Structures are given as C-alpha cells and as structure tokens.
C-alpha cells in the first residue's frame, strides 16, 4: 500500500467524531488492498478509536442529568 493511503486512513480513523464516521472509514479500510501487517495495525487503531468514542458517549450521558 502506498504510504499516503496508509497515513490518510490513520488520520481518518483518529479524527472520526462519531460512530457513523468510523463505520465509513472501516468500510474504506475493508475495501483497500494492503499487507496483512498494515491491516492488523489499522484494525487495532479502529478498535481503539471505537472504544474511545463509546467511553466518551457514556461519560457525556452520565454527566448530562446533573444540574446544579
């Protein structure tokens, strides 16, 4: 895979603001031909971003009912 494509995918993953954006990037990763090692690295980055987005949603949801 061309390095520009790889870094574009990484940047797209790390800047995804919500689950819908991340799903679109995941589809792009799946459609892109690459070496197995590159795919593993991108899948790990996708999983980490997904966990972060979920944690942020839970944290925001818990903070919302609190009104002082």
Protein backbone atom coordinates (compact mmCIF):
# COMPACT_ATOMS: atom_id res chain seq x y z
CA UNK A 1 0.00 0.00 0.00
CA UNK A 2 1.16 3.50 -0.77
CA UNK A 3 2.27 5.32 2.39
CA UNK A 4 -0.01 8.26 1.57
CA UNK A 5 -3.04 5.97 1.59
CA UNK A 6 -1.97 4.37 4.86
CA UNK A 7 -1.50 7.71 6.60
CA UNK A 8 -4.76 9.02 5.16
CA UNK A 9 -6.56 6.04 6.68
CA UNK A 10 -4.83 6.54 10.03
CA UNK A 11 -5.74 10.24 10.03
CA UNK A 12 -9.34 9.42 9.08
CA UNK A 13 -9.61 6.95 11.94
CA UNK A 14 -8.14 9.26 14.55
CA UNK A 15 -10.30 12.21 13.53
CA UNK A 16 -13.60 10.31 13.29
CA UNK A 17 -16.01 12.23 15.51
CA UNK A 18 -18.75 9.62 15.83
CA UNK A 19 -19.68 6.01 15.15
CA UNK A 20 -21.07 6.80 11.67
CA UNK A 21 -17.81 8.39 10.53
CA UNK A 22 -15.85 5.49 11.97
CA UNK A 23 -18.09 2.99 10.16
CA UNK A 24 -17.41 4.78 6.87
CA UNK A 25 -13.67 4.62 7.49
CA UNK A 26 -13.94 0.95 8.47
CA UNK A 27 -15.64 0.23 5.12
CA UNK A 28 -12.83 2.06 3.34
CA UNK A 29 -10.23 0.01 5.21
CA UNK A 30 -12.01 -3.21 4.26
CA UNK A 31 -12.14 -2.18 0.59
CA UNK A 32 -8.44 -1.26 0.42
CA UNK A 33 -5.83 -3.83 -0.60
CA UNK A 34 -2.94 -3.96 1.83
CA UNK A 35 -0.37 -6.16 3.53
CA UNK A 36 -1.59 -8.23 6.48
CA UNK A 37 0.58 -6.25 8.93
CA UNK A 38 -0.91 -2.95 7.71
CA UNK A 39 -4.43 -4.34 8.08
CA UNK A 40 -3.73 -5.53 11.63
CA UNK A 41 -2.36 -2.11 12.58
CA UNK A 42 -5.36 -0.32 11.09
CA UNK A 43 -7.83 -2.70 12.72
CA UNK A 44 -6.18 -2.09 16.10
CA UNK A 45 -6.43 1.66 15.59
CA UNK A 46 -10.09 1.32 14.58
CA UNK A 47 -10.84 -0.74 17.69
CA UNK A 48 -9.09 1.77 19.95
CA UNK A 49 -10.98 4.69 18.41
CA UNK A 50 -14.26 2.82 18.75
CA UNK A 51 -13.57 2.18 22.46
CA UNK A 52 -12.71 5.85 22.95
CA UNK A 53 -15.89 7.04 21.24
CA UNK A 54 -18.00 4.65 23.32
CA UNK A 55 -16.33 5.77 26.55
CA UNK A 56 -16.90 9.40 25.64
CA UNK A 57 -20.61 8.75 24.93
CA UNK A 58 -21.06 7.05 28.30
CA UNK A 59 -19.21 9.82 30.12
CA UNK A 60 -21.31 12.52 28.43
CA UNK A 61 -24.53 10.61 29.05
CA UNK A 62 -23.73 10.30 32.75
CA UNK A 63 -22.81 13.96 33.05
CA UNK A 64 -25.97 15.24 31.32
CA UNK A 65 -28.56 14.60 34.10
CA UNK A 66 -26.51 16.51 36.65
CA UNK A 67 -27.96 20.02 37.01
CA UNK A 68 -26.74 22.33 39.75
